[in-house]
Amino acid sequence: MKKLNFRKLQQKEHESIMAAMAMQTFNPAIGRTLVSGSVNKFIVSSVRELPKLEKISTRAEFDRFHDRWCKKLMIKIRGCGYGSAQKAINVLLKMYVYWSKMPRNWERLKRYLHVPLDSVIIEYFETNYSDQFETFISPLYENYDHDCYNLKHMTRHQYLPWVKLLRKVAEKNPAIEIDILWQIERLRKARAKI
């Protein structure tokens, strides 16, 4: 019987954590809507990209990192638009940085994270922040044949004003904390169905 090398296993532990988080977040976030094999591409991409977070020290650096990663996913995963890419990445980053407190500079990074944008968050802001929604978001969809709820067709041009708006609403708090609304809204809707 072959003997396990626990030293090698321990050296791979962080990589396995990144891969597991990528798999756990991708499937519920957008995996079910994309082509077969997408989850494996996201896992490999995540294990490659997440270590780069350690070198990020400003919001601008984080935003460039995020934008490049979204564009890479759009190339690697057929049918993945900017809106789908941001959601998968943002859910993973919420788990990895905000919940798991990784990497070592997580405290600084949490202030830069984007809110995972989806129909629950969009609907909440359309209803409860209608003035800002009409000013910042609605004009972005005037020349498109899809609505703002369609992540698959959301462009970078349509996504970035959301980042700006959510950061403005968050004020001095990390914008990622707005994502708590997602679970509250889902819970409210679930209770209404019972």
N, C-alpha and C. Protein backbone atom coordinates (compact mmCIF):
# COMPACT_ATOMS: atom_id res chain seq x y z
N MET A 1 0.83 -1.17 0.00
CA MET A 1 0.00 0.00 0.00
C MET A 1 0.89 1.25 0.00
N LYS A 2 0.51 2.22 -0.85
CA LYS A 2 1.28 3.45 -0.96
C LYS A 2 1.04 4.33 0.27
N LYS A 3 2.09 4.92 0.80
CA LYS A 3 2.00 5.75 1.99
C LYS A 3 1.73 7.21 1.58
N LEU A 4 0.81 7.83 2.29
CA LEU A 4 0.50 9.24 2.02
C LEU A 4 1.63 10.13 2.52
N ASN A 5 1.92 11.14 1.75
CA ASN A 5 2.92 12.12 2.14
C ASN A 5 2.17 13.33 2.71
N PHE A 6 2.05 13.38 4.03
CA PHE A 6 1.26 14.43 4.66
C PHE A 6 1.91 15.80 4.54
N ARG A 7 3.21 15.86 4.41
CA ARG A 7 3.87 17.15 4.22
C ARG A 7 3.42 17.77 2.89
N LYS A 8 3.39 16.94 1.84
CA LYS A 8 2.92 17.43 0.53
C LYS A 8 1.44 17.83 0.60
N LEU A 9 0.65 17.06 1.30
CA LEU A 9 -0.76 17.40 1.46
C LEU A 9 -0.91 18.75 2.15
N GLN A 10 -0.17 18.96 3.21
CA GLN A 10 -0.25 20.21 3.95
C GLN A 10 0.19 21.39 3.08
N GLN A 11 1.17 21.17 2.23
CA GLN A 11 1.62 22.24 1.33
C GLN A 11 0.55 22.61 0.31
N LYS A 12 -0.33 21.69 0.01
CA LYS A 12 -1.41 21.92 -0.97
C LYS A 12 -2.73 22.34 -0.31
N GLU A 13 -2.74 22.47 1.00
CA GLU A 13 -3.99 22.75 1.70
C GLU A 13 -4.64 24.05 1.24
N HIS A 14 -3.88 25.12 1.15
CA HIS A 14 -4.47 26.40 0.76
C HIS A 14 -5.04 26.34 -0.66
N GLU A 15 -4.32 25.69 -1.55
CA GLU A 15 -4.81 25.52 -2.91
C GLU A 15 -6.12 24.73 -2.93
N SER A 16 -6.21 23.71 -2.08
CA SER A 16 -7.44 22.92 -2.04
C SER A 16 -8.59 23.73 -1.45
N ILE A 17 -8.31 24.61 -0.50
CA ILE A 17 -9.35 25.49 0.05
C ILE A 17 -9.87 26.42 -1.05
N MET A 18 -8.96 27.00 -1.82
CA MET A 18 -9.39 27.89 -2.90
C MET A 18 -10.24 27.14 -3.92
N ALA A 19 -9.83 25.94 -4.28
CA ALA A 19 -10.57 25.14 -5.26
C ALA A 19 -11.95 24.77 -4.73
N ALA A 20 -12.03 24.37 -3.47
CA ALA A 20 -13.32 23.99 -2.88
C ALA A 20 -14.26 25.19 -2.82
N MET A 21 -13.75 26.33 -2.42
CA MET A 21 -14.60 27.53 -2.37
C MET A 21 -15.07 27.92 -3.77
N ALA A 22 -14.20 27.81 -4.74
CA ALA A 22 -14.59 28.14 -6.11
C ALA A 22 -15.72 27.24 -6.58
N MET A 23 -15.60 25.95 -6.32
CA MET A 23 -16.64 25.00 -6.73
C MET A 23 -17.95 25.29 -5.99
N GLN A 24 -17.87 25.53 -4.69
CA GLN A 24 -19.08 25.75 -3.89
C GLN A 24 -19.80 27.04 -4.25
N THR A 25 -19.07 28.04 -4.68
CA THR A 25 -19.72 29.31 -5.02
C THR A 25 -20.16 29.38 -6.47
N PHE A 26 -19.44 28.74 -7.38
CA PHE A 26 -19.75 28.84 -8.80
C PHE A 26 -21.07 28.18 -9.15
N ASN A 27 -21.28 26.96 -8.68
CA ASN A 27 -22.51 26.25 -9.04
C ASN A 27 -23.77 26.99 -8.66
N PRO A 28 -23.94 27.43 -7.40
CA PRO A 28 -25.16 28.15 -7.07
C PRO A 28 -25.23 29.54 -7.72
N ALA A 29 -24.09 30.18 -7.91
CA ALA A 29 -24.10 31.54 -8.45
C ALA A 29 -24.49 31.57 -9.92
N ILE A 30 -23.78 30.85 -10.76
CA ILE A 30 -24.08 30.89 -12.19
C ILE A 30 -23.83 29.58 -12.92
N GLY A 31 -23.23 28.61 -12.24
CA GLY A 31 -22.82 27.37 -12.89
C GLY A 31 -23.93 26.64 -13.60
N ARG A 32 -25.12 26.68 -13.05
CA ARG A 32 -26.23 25.94 -13.65
C ARG A 32 -26.70 26.54 -14.98
N THR A 33 -26.29 27.78 -15.27
CA THR A 33 -26.76 28.45 -16.48
C THR A 33 -25.74 28.40 -17.62
N LEU A 34 -24.56 27.84 -17.36
CA LEU A 34 -23.50 27.84 -18.37
C LEU A 34 -23.22 26.43 -18.88
N VAL A 35 -22.36 26.35 -19.87
CA VAL A 35 -22.06 25.07 -20.51
C VAL A 35 -21.34 24.11 -19.57
N SER A 36 -21.43 22.84 -19.87
CA SER A 36 -20.76 21.80 -19.12
C SER A 36 -19.25 22.06 -19.10
N GLY A 37 -18.63 21.82 -17.98
CA GLY A 37 -17.19 22.04 -17.84
C GLY A 37 -16.83 23.42 -17.32
N SER A 38 -17.83 24.30 -17.20
CA SER A 38 -17.57 25.67 -16.74
C SER A 38 -17.01 25.70 -15.32
N VAL A 39 -17.53 24.83 -14.46
CA VAL A 39 -17.08 24.84 -13.07
C VAL A 39 -15.59 24.52 -12.98
N ASN A 40 -15.11 23.58 -13.77
CA ASN A 40 -13.68 23.24 -13.75
C ASN A 40 -12.83 24.42 -14.20
N LYS A 41 -13.29 25.13 -15.21
CA LYS A 41 -12.56 26.31 -15.69
C LYS A 41 -12.53 27.40 -14.61
N PHE A 42 -13.65 27.55 -13.89
CA PHE A 42 -13.70 28.55 -12.83
C PHE A 42 -12.77 28.16 -11.68
N ILE A 43 -12.74 26.89 -11.34
CA ILE A 43 -11.85 26.42 -10.26
C ILE A 43 -10.39 26.71 -10.61
N VAL A 44 -9.97 26.33 -11.80
CA VAL A 44 -8.59 26.54 -12.23
C VAL A 44 -8.27 28.04 -12.25
N SER A 45 -9.19 28.83 -12.78
CA SER A 45 -9.00 30.27 -12.83
C SER A 45 -8.88 30.86 -11.41
N SER A 46 -9.71 30.39 -10.51
CA SER A 46 -9.71 30.90 -9.12
C SER A 46 -8.41 30.59 -8.41
N VAL A 47 -7.92 29.37 -8.58
CA VAL A 47 -6.65 28.98 -7.94
C VAL A 47 -5.50 29.81 -8.50
N ARG A 48 -5.63 30.24 -9.74
CA ARG A 48 -4.60 31.08 -10.36
C ARG A 48 -4.73 32.54 -9.91
N GLU A 49 -5.95 33.03 -9.78
CA GLU A 49 -6.17 34.46 -9.52
C GLU A 49 -6.16 34.84 -8.03
N LEU A 50 -6.71 34.01 -7.17
CA LEU A 50 -6.83 34.38 -5.75
C LEU A 50 -5.49 34.73 -5.09
N PRO A 51 -4.40 34.03 -5.37
CA PRO A 51 -3.12 34.42 -4.74
C PRO A 51 -2.67 35.84 -5.08
N LYS A 52 -3.15 36.39 -6.18
CA LYS A 52 -2.79 37.76 -6.58
C LYS A 52 -3.35 38.80 -5.62
N LEU A 53 -4.35 38.43 -4.85
CA LEU A 53 -4.95 39.38 -3.90
C LEU A 53 -3.94 39.90 -2.88
N GLU A 54 -2.97 39.09 -2.52
CA GLU A 54 -1.98 39.48 -1.50
C GLU A 54 -1.20 40.72 -1.91
N LYS A 55 -1.06 40.97 -3.19
CA LYS A 55 -0.27 42.11 -3.66
C LYS A 55 -1.10 43.38 -3.83
N ILE A 56 -2.40 43.30 -3.61
CA ILE A 56 -3.28 44.44 -3.83
C ILE A 56 -3.30 45.34 -2.59
N SER A 57 -3.05 46.63 -2.82
CA SER A 57 -3.03 47.54 -1.68
C SER A 57 -3.95 48.75 -1.83
N THR A 58 -4.59 48.92 -3.00
CA THR A 58 -5.51 50.05 -3.19
C THR A 58 -6.80 49.57 -3.85
N ARG A 59 -7.83 50.38 -3.74
CA ARG A 59 -9.10 50.07 -4.40
C ARG A 59 -8.94 50.03 -5.91
N ALA A 60 -8.16 50.96 -6.45
CA ALA A 60 -7.94 50.99 -7.90
C ALA A 60 -7.26 49.70 -8.38
N GLU A 61 -6.28 49.22 -7.64
CA GLU A 61 -5.62 47.96 -7.99
C GLU A 61 -6.63 46.81 -7.94
N PHE A 62 -7.47 46.81 -6.91
CA PHE A 62 -8.47 45.75 -6.80
C PHE A 62 -9.44 45.80 -7.99
N ASP A 63 -9.90 46.99 -8.33
CA ASP A 63 -10.86 47.12 -9.43
C ASP A 63 -10.25 46.66 -10.76
N ARG A 64 -8.96 46.95 -10.98
CA ARG A 64 -8.29 46.47 -12.20
C ARG A 64 -8.17 44.94 -12.18
N PHE A 65 -7.80 44.39 -11.02
CA PHE A 65 -7.72 42.93 -10.86
C PHE A 65 -9.07 42.29 -11.17
N HIS A 66 -10.13 42.84 -10.61
CA HIS A 66 -11.49 42.33 -10.79
C HIS A 66 -11.89 42.38 -12.27
N ASP A 67 -11.64 43.50 -12.91
CA ASP A 67 -12.00 43.68 -14.31
C ASP A 67 -11.25 42.68 -15.20
N ARG A 68 -9.95 42.52 -14.96
CA ARG A 68 -9.17 41.56 -15.76
C ARG A 68 -9.69 40.15 -15.57
N TRP A 69 -10.04 39.77 -14.34
CA TRP A 69 -10.53 38.44 -14.06
C TRP A 69 -11.87 38.21 -14.77
N CYS A 70 -12.75 39.19 -14.70
CA CYS A 70 -14.04 39.05 -15.40
C CYS A 70 -13.81 38.82 -16.90
N LYS A 71 -12.92 39.60 -17.48
CA LYS A 71 -12.65 39.46 -18.92
C LYS A 71 -12.05 38.10 -19.25
N LYS A 72 -11.18 37.59 -18.38
CA LYS A 72 -10.59 36.26 -18.59
C LYS A 72 -11.67 35.18 -18.57
N LEU A 73 -12.60 35.28 -17.64
CA LEU A 73 -13.68 34.28 -17.56
C LEU A 73 -14.55 34.33 -18.81
N MET A 74 -14.81 35.53 -19.30
CA MET A 74 -15.62 35.66 -20.50
C MET A 74 -14.97 34.96 -21.70
N ILE A 75 -13.65 34.96 -21.73
CA ILE A 75 -12.92 34.29 -22.81
C ILE A 75 -12.90 32.77 -22.59
N LYS A 76 -12.67 32.35 -21.36
CA LYS A 76 -12.50 30.92 -21.05
C LYS A 76 -13.81 30.14 -21.03
N ILE A 77 -14.90 30.80 -20.63
CA ILE A 77 -16.17 30.09 -20.45
C ILE A 77 -17.18 30.59 -21.49
N ARG A 78 -17.50 29.73 -22.42
CA ARG A 78 -18.45 30.08 -23.47
C ARG A 78 -19.80 30.45 -22.87
N GLY A 79 -20.35 31.57 -23.30
CA GLY A 79 -21.65 32.02 -22.83
C GLY A 79 -21.61 32.84 -21.56
N CYS A 80 -20.43 33.07 -21.03
CA CYS A 80 -20.29 33.84 -19.79
C CYS A 80 -20.11 35.31 -20.14
N GLY A 81 -21.08 36.13 -19.75
CA GLY A 81 -20.98 37.56 -19.96
C GLY A 81 -20.38 38.24 -18.73
N TYR A 82 -20.20 39.54 -18.82
CA TYR A 82 -19.58 40.28 -17.72
C TYR A 82 -20.42 40.16 -16.45
N GLY A 83 -21.73 40.22 -16.59
CA GLY A 83 -22.61 40.12 -15.42
C GLY A 83 -22.50 38.77 -14.73
N SER A 84 -22.43 37.70 -15.50
CA SER A 84 -22.28 36.37 -14.91
C SER A 84 -20.91 36.22 -14.26
N ALA A 85 -19.89 36.74 -14.92
CA ALA A 85 -18.52 36.65 -14.38
C ALA A 85 -18.42 37.39 -13.06
N GLN A 86 -18.95 38.61 -13.01
CA GLN A 86 -18.85 39.38 -11.76
C GLN A 86 -19.54 38.68 -10.62
N LYS A 87 -20.67 38.05 -10.90
CA LYS A 87 -21.40 37.39 -9.81
C LYS A 87 -20.60 36.22 -9.25
N ALA A 88 -20.07 35.38 -10.12
CA ALA A 88 -19.29 34.23 -9.64
C ALA A 88 -18.06 34.70 -8.86
N ILE A 89 -17.36 35.67 -9.40
CA ILE A 89 -16.15 36.19 -8.74
C ILE A 89 -16.51 36.85 -7.41
N ASN A 90 -17.55 37.67 -7.41
CA ASN A 90 -17.91 38.40 -6.19
C ASN A 90 -18.40 37.48 -5.08
N VAL A 91 -19.13 36.44 -5.42
CA VAL A 91 -19.58 35.48 -4.40
C VAL A 91 -18.37 34.75 -3.83
N LEU A 92 -17.45 34.34 -4.70
CA LEU A 92 -16.23 33.68 -4.23
C LEU A 92 -15.41 34.61 -3.34
N LEU A 93 -15.23 35.85 -3.76
CA LEU A 93 -14.44 36.79 -2.97
C LEU A 93 -15.10 37.10 -1.63
N LYS A 94 -16.43 37.12 -1.61
CA LYS A 94 -17.13 37.32 -0.34
C LYS A 94 -16.78 36.18 0.62
N MET A 95 -16.83 34.97 0.13
CA MET A 95 -16.51 33.82 0.98
C MET A 95 -15.04 33.78 1.37
N TYR A 96 -14.18 34.00 0.40
CA TYR A 96 -12.74 33.86 0.61
C TYR A 96 -12.19 34.98 1.50
N VAL A 97 -12.53 36.21 1.18
CA VAL A 97 -11.96 37.35 1.91
C VAL A 97 -12.80 37.70 3.13
N TYR A 98 -14.06 37.94 2.92
CA TYR A 98 -14.90 38.49 4.00
C TYR A 98 -15.26 37.45 5.05
N TRP A 99 -15.62 36.24 4.63
CA TRP A 99 -16.02 35.23 5.60
C TRP A 99 -14.83 34.42 6.13
N SER A 100 -13.92 34.02 5.24
CA SER A 100 -12.82 33.16 5.65
C SER A 100 -11.57 33.93 6.09
N LYS A 101 -11.60 35.22 5.87
CA LYS A 101 -10.50 36.09 6.30
C LYS A 101 -9.15 35.69 5.69
N MET A 102 -9.18 35.48 4.38
CA MET A 102 -7.97 35.18 3.63
C MET A 102 -7.88 36.15 2.47
N PRO A 103 -6.73 36.50 2.00
CA PRO A 103 -5.39 36.22 2.49
C PRO A 103 -5.05 37.10 3.69
N ARG A 104 -3.76 37.23 3.98
CA ARG A 104 -3.34 37.97 5.17
C ARG A 104 -3.83 39.42 5.18
N ASN A 105 -3.97 40.04 4.02
CA ASN A 105 -4.40 41.43 3.94
C ASN A 105 -5.92 41.56 3.79
N TRP A 106 -6.67 40.58 4.29
CA TRP A 106 -8.12 40.54 4.12
C TRP A 106 -8.83 41.76 4.69
N GLU A 107 -8.33 42.31 5.80
CA GLU A 107 -9.01 43.47 6.42
C GLU A 107 -9.05 44.65 5.46
N ARG A 108 -7.96 44.88 4.75
CA ARG A 108 -7.92 45.97 3.78
C ARG A 108 -8.78 45.60 2.57
N LEU A 109 -8.62 44.37 2.09
CA LEU A 109 -9.34 43.93 0.90
C LEU A 109 -10.85 44.00 1.05
N LYS A 110 -11.36 43.70 2.22
CA LYS A 110 -12.82 43.67 2.40
C LYS A 110 -13.46 45.01 2.05
N ARG A 111 -12.72 46.09 2.21
CA ARG A 111 -13.25 47.42 1.89
C ARG A 111 -13.34 47.65 0.38
N TYR A 112 -12.64 46.85 -0.40
CA TYR A 112 -12.63 47.00 -1.86
C TYR A 112 -13.62 46.08 -2.57
N LEU A 113 -14.09 45.05 -1.89
CA LEU A 113 -14.93 44.04 -2.53
C LEU A 113 -16.18 44.65 -3.16
N HIS A 114 -16.62 44.05 -4.25
CA HIS A 114 -17.87 44.44 -4.91
C HIS A 114 -19.00 43.57 -4.37
N VAL A 115 -20.19 44.11 -4.38
CA VAL A 115 -21.38 43.35 -3.99
C VAL A 115 -21.71 42.39 -5.13
N PRO A 116 -21.97 41.11 -4.85
CA PRO A 116 -22.40 40.20 -5.91
C PRO A 116 -23.75 40.68 -6.47
N LEU A 117 -23.73 41.19 -7.64
CA LEU A 117 -24.92 41.80 -8.23
C LEU A 117 -25.79 40.75 -8.89
N ASP A 118 -27.05 40.70 -8.49
CA ASP A 118 -28.02 39.79 -9.12
C ASP A 118 -29.40 40.41 -9.00
N SER A 119 -30.42 39.69 -9.44
CA SER A 119 -31.77 40.25 -9.50
C SER A 119 -32.30 40.66 -8.12
N VAL A 120 -31.90 39.97 -7.06
CA VAL A 120 -32.38 40.30 -5.72
C VAL A 120 -31.87 41.68 -5.31
N ILE A 121 -30.59 41.93 -5.49
CA ILE A 121 -29.99 43.23 -5.15
C ILE A 121 -30.53 44.32 -6.09
N ILE A 122 -30.61 44.02 -7.37
CA ILE A 122 -31.10 45.00 -8.34
C ILE A 122 -32.53 45.41 -7.99
N GLU A 123 -33.40 44.44 -7.73
CA GLU A 123 -34.80 44.73 -7.39
C GLU A 123 -34.90 45.56 -6.12
N TYR A 124 -34.10 45.22 -5.13
CA TYR A 124 -34.12 45.97 -3.87
C TYR A 124 -33.77 47.44 -4.11
N PHE A 125 -32.74 47.69 -4.89
CA PHE A 125 -32.33 49.07 -5.14
C PHE A 125 -33.28 49.80 -6.07
N GLU A 126 -33.87 49.10 -7.00
CA GLU A 126 -34.86 49.72 -7.88
C GLU A 126 -36.07 50.19 -7.06
N THR A 127 -36.45 49.40 -6.06
CA THR A 127 -37.61 49.72 -5.22
C THR A 127 -37.29 50.73 -4.13
N ASN A 128 -36.17 50.54 -3.43
CA ASN A 128 -35.88 51.34 -2.24
C ASN A 128 -34.96 52.53 -2.45
N TYR A 129 -34.30 52.59 -3.58
CA TYR A 129 -33.43 53.71 -3.93
C TYR A 129 -33.78 54.17 -5.34
N SER A 130 -35.05 54.39 -5.56
CA SER A 130 -35.54 54.67 -6.92
C SER A 130 -34.91 55.92 -7.55
N ASP A 131 -34.66 56.97 -6.75
CA ASP A 131 -34.04 58.17 -7.32
C ASP A 131 -32.65 57.87 -7.87
N GLN A 132 -31.83 57.21 -7.05
CA GLN A 132 -30.48 56.87 -7.51
C GLN A 132 -30.53 55.86 -8.66
N PHE A 133 -31.48 54.93 -8.58
CA PHE A 133 -31.63 53.94 -9.64
C PHE A 133 -31.93 54.62 -10.97
N GLU A 134 -32.89 55.56 -10.94
CA GLU A 134 -33.28 56.27 -12.17
C GLU A 134 -32.15 57.15 -12.70
N THR A 135 -31.35 57.71 -11.80
CA THR A 135 -30.25 58.59 -12.21
C THR A 135 -29.05 57.82 -12.74
N PHE A 136 -28.62 56.79 -12.00
CA PHE A 136 -27.37 56.10 -12.32
C PHE A 136 -27.54 54.86 -13.20
N ILE A 137 -28.65 54.13 -13.04
CA ILE A 137 -28.75 52.80 -13.66
C ILE A 137 -29.65 52.78 -14.89
N SER A 138 -30.87 53.27 -14.78
CA SER A 138 -31.82 53.18 -15.89
C SER A 138 -31.28 53.69 -17.23
N PRO A 139 -30.59 54.83 -17.25
CA PRO A 139 -30.09 55.33 -18.55
C PRO A 139 -29.14 54.36 -19.25
N LEU A 140 -28.52 53.47 -18.52
CA LEU A 140 -27.57 52.52 -19.12
C LEU A 140 -28.25 51.47 -19.97
N TYR A 141 -29.55 51.33 -19.82
CA TYR A 141 -30.29 50.27 -20.53
C TYR A 141 -31.19 50.80 -21.64
N GLU A 142 -31.15 52.10 -21.88
CA GLU A 142 -32.05 52.69 -22.88
C GLU A 142 -31.82 52.17 -24.29
N ASN A 143 -30.60 51.86 -24.65
CA ASN A 143 -30.30 51.41 -26.01
C ASN A 143 -30.06 49.91 -26.12
N TYR A 144 -30.52 49.15 -25.13
CA TYR A 144 -30.32 47.70 -25.13
C TYR A 144 -31.68 47.00 -25.17
N ASP A 145 -31.69 45.81 -25.74
CA ASP A 145 -32.93 45.05 -25.84
C ASP A 145 -33.11 44.09 -24.66
N HIS A 146 -32.40 44.31 -23.57
CA HIS A 146 -32.58 43.49 -22.37
C HIS A 146 -32.69 44.41 -21.15
N ASP A 147 -33.26 43.89 -20.10
CA ASP A 147 -33.42 44.70 -18.90
C ASP A 147 -32.22 44.54 -17.97
N CYS A 148 -32.22 45.32 -16.91
CA CYS A 148 -31.07 45.33 -15.99
C CYS A 148 -30.99 44.07 -15.14
N TYR A 149 -32.00 43.23 -15.17
CA TYR A 149 -31.98 42.01 -14.38
C TYR A 149 -31.26 40.86 -15.08
N ASN A 150 -30.95 41.00 -16.34
CA ASN A 150 -30.36 39.94 -17.14
C ASN A 150 -28.84 39.98 -17.04
N LEU A 151 -28.28 39.20 -16.10
CA LEU A 151 -26.83 39.21 -15.89
C LEU A 151 -26.07 38.66 -17.08
N LYS A 152 -26.65 37.72 -17.78
CA LYS A 152 -25.95 37.09 -18.91
C LYS A 152 -25.58 38.11 -19.98
N HIS A 153 -26.39 39.15 -20.12
CA HIS A 153 -26.15 40.16 -21.15
C HIS A 153 -25.60 41.47 -20.59
N MET A 154 -25.39 41.53 -19.27
CA MET A 154 -24.88 42.76 -18.66
C MET A 154 -23.45 43.02 -19.13
N THR A 155 -23.21 44.23 -19.55
CA THR A 155 -21.88 44.63 -20.02
C THR A 155 -21.08 45.27 -18.88
N ARG A 156 -19.81 45.43 -19.11
CA ARG A 156 -18.94 46.13 -18.16
C ARG A 156 -19.46 47.56 -17.96
N HIS A 157 -19.86 48.19 -19.06
CA HIS A 157 -20.39 49.55 -19.03
C HIS A 157 -21.63 49.65 -18.13
N GLN A 158 -22.42 48.60 -18.07
CA GLN A 158 -23.62 48.59 -17.23
C GLN A 158 -23.30 48.19 -15.79
N TYR A 159 -22.25 47.41 -15.60
CA TYR A 159 -21.90 46.92 -14.27
C TYR A 159 -21.19 47.97 -13.41
N LEU A 160 -20.24 48.68 -13.97
CA LEU A 160 -19.40 49.59 -13.18
C LEU A 160 -20.20 50.69 -12.45
N PRO A 161 -21.26 51.26 -13.03
CA PRO A 161 -22.06 52.22 -12.26
C PRO A 161 -22.72 51.60 -11.03
N TRP A 162 -23.02 50.30 -11.08
CA TRP A 162 -23.55 49.62 -9.91
C TRP A 162 -22.51 49.62 -8.79
N VAL A 163 -21.26 49.35 -9.13
CA VAL A 163 -20.19 49.34 -8.13
C VAL A 163 -20.11 50.72 -7.47
N LYS A 164 -20.14 51.74 -8.29
CA LYS A 164 -20.06 53.12 -7.79
C LYS A 164 -21.26 53.45 -6.89
N LEU A 165 -22.46 53.09 -7.34
CA LEU A 165 -23.67 53.37 -6.56
C LEU A 165 -23.65 52.62 -5.23
N LEU A 166 -23.31 51.34 -5.25
CA LEU A 166 -23.32 50.55 -4.01
C LEU A 166 -22.25 51.02 -3.03
N ARG A 167 -21.12 51.45 -3.54
CA ARG A 167 -20.09 52.01 -2.66
C ARG A 167 -20.56 53.33 -2.06
N LYS A 168 -21.27 54.12 -2.84
CA LYS A 168 -21.79 55.40 -2.35
C LYS A 168 -22.82 55.16 -1.24
N VAL A 169 -23.71 54.22 -1.46
CA VAL A 169 -24.73 53.89 -0.46
C VAL A 169 -24.09 53.35 0.82
N ALA A 170 -23.04 52.57 0.67
CA ALA A 170 -22.36 51.97 1.83
C ALA A 170 -21.63 53.01 2.67
N GLU A 171 -21.30 54.14 2.07
CA GLU A 171 -20.55 55.21 2.74
C GLU A 171 -19.25 54.69 3.33
N LYS A 172 -19.12 54.72 4.64
CA LYS A 172 -17.86 54.31 5.28
C LYS A 172 -17.80 52.82 5.57
N ASN A 173 -18.86 52.11 5.32
CA ASN A 173 -18.89 50.65 5.55
C ASN A 173 -18.38 49.94 4.30
N PRO A 174 -17.86 48.73 4.48
CA PRO A 174 -17.51 47.95 3.28
C PRO A 174 -18.78 47.67 2.46
N ALA A 175 -18.74 47.95 1.18
CA ALA A 175 -19.91 47.74 0.32
C ALA A 175 -20.40 46.30 0.37
N ILE A 176 -19.48 45.35 0.60
CA ILE A 176 -19.86 43.93 0.63
C ILE A 176 -20.95 43.68 1.68
N GLU A 177 -21.01 44.50 2.71
CA GLU A 177 -22.02 44.31 3.75
C GLU A 177 -23.44 44.52 3.21
N ILE A 178 -23.57 45.23 2.09
CA ILE A 178 -24.88 45.38 1.45
C ILE A 178 -25.42 44.01 1.04
N ASP A 179 -24.53 43.07 0.79
CA ASP A 179 -24.95 41.75 0.35
C ASP A 179 -25.78 41.02 1.41
N ILE A 180 -25.74 41.47 2.64
CA ILE A 180 -26.61 40.90 3.68
C ILE A 180 -28.07 41.04 3.26
N LEU A 181 -28.37 42.09 2.50
CA LEU A 181 -29.73 42.28 1.98
C LEU A 181 -30.20 41.09 1.16
N TRP A 182 -29.26 40.47 0.45
CA TRP A 182 -29.62 39.34 -0.41
C TRP A 182 -30.31 38.26 0.40
N GLN A 183 -29.68 37.86 1.51
CA GLN A 183 -30.26 36.79 2.33
C GLN A 183 -31.54 37.25 3.01
N ILE A 184 -31.58 38.49 3.45
CA ILE A 184 -32.79 39.03 4.09
C ILE A 184 -33.96 39.00 3.11
N GLU A 185 -33.71 39.44 1.88
CA GLU A 185 -34.77 39.46 0.87
C GLU A 185 -35.20 38.04 0.50
N ARG A 186 -34.26 37.13 0.36
CA ARG A 186 -34.61 35.74 0.05
C ARG A 186 -35.42 35.12 1.18
N LEU A 187 -35.06 35.41 2.41
CA LEU A 187 -35.77 34.90 3.57
C LEU A 187 -37.19 35.49 3.62
N ARG A 188 -37.31 36.78 3.34
CA ARG A 188 -38.62 37.43 3.34
C ARG A 188 -39.54 36.78 2.30
N LYS A 189 -39.01 36.53 1.12
CA LYS A 189 -39.81 35.92 0.04
C LYS A 189 -40.16 34.46 0.40
N ALA A 190 -39.24 33.75 1.02
CA ALA A 190 -39.51 32.36 1.43
C ALA A 190 -40.61 32.32 2.48
N ARG A 191 -40.56 33.23 3.44
CA ARG A 191 -41.60 33.26 4.48
C ARG A 191 -42.96 33.62 3.90
N ALA A 192 -42.98 34.47 2.88
CA ALA A 192 -44.24 34.86 2.25
C ALA A 192 -44.89 33.68 1.52
N LYS A 193 -44.11 32.70 1.11
CA LYS A 193 -44.64 31.54 0.38
C LYS A 193 -45.14 30.44 1.31
N ILE A 194 -44.85 30.57 2.60
CA ILE A 194 -45.25 29.52 3.55
C ILE A 194 -46.68 29.78 4.04
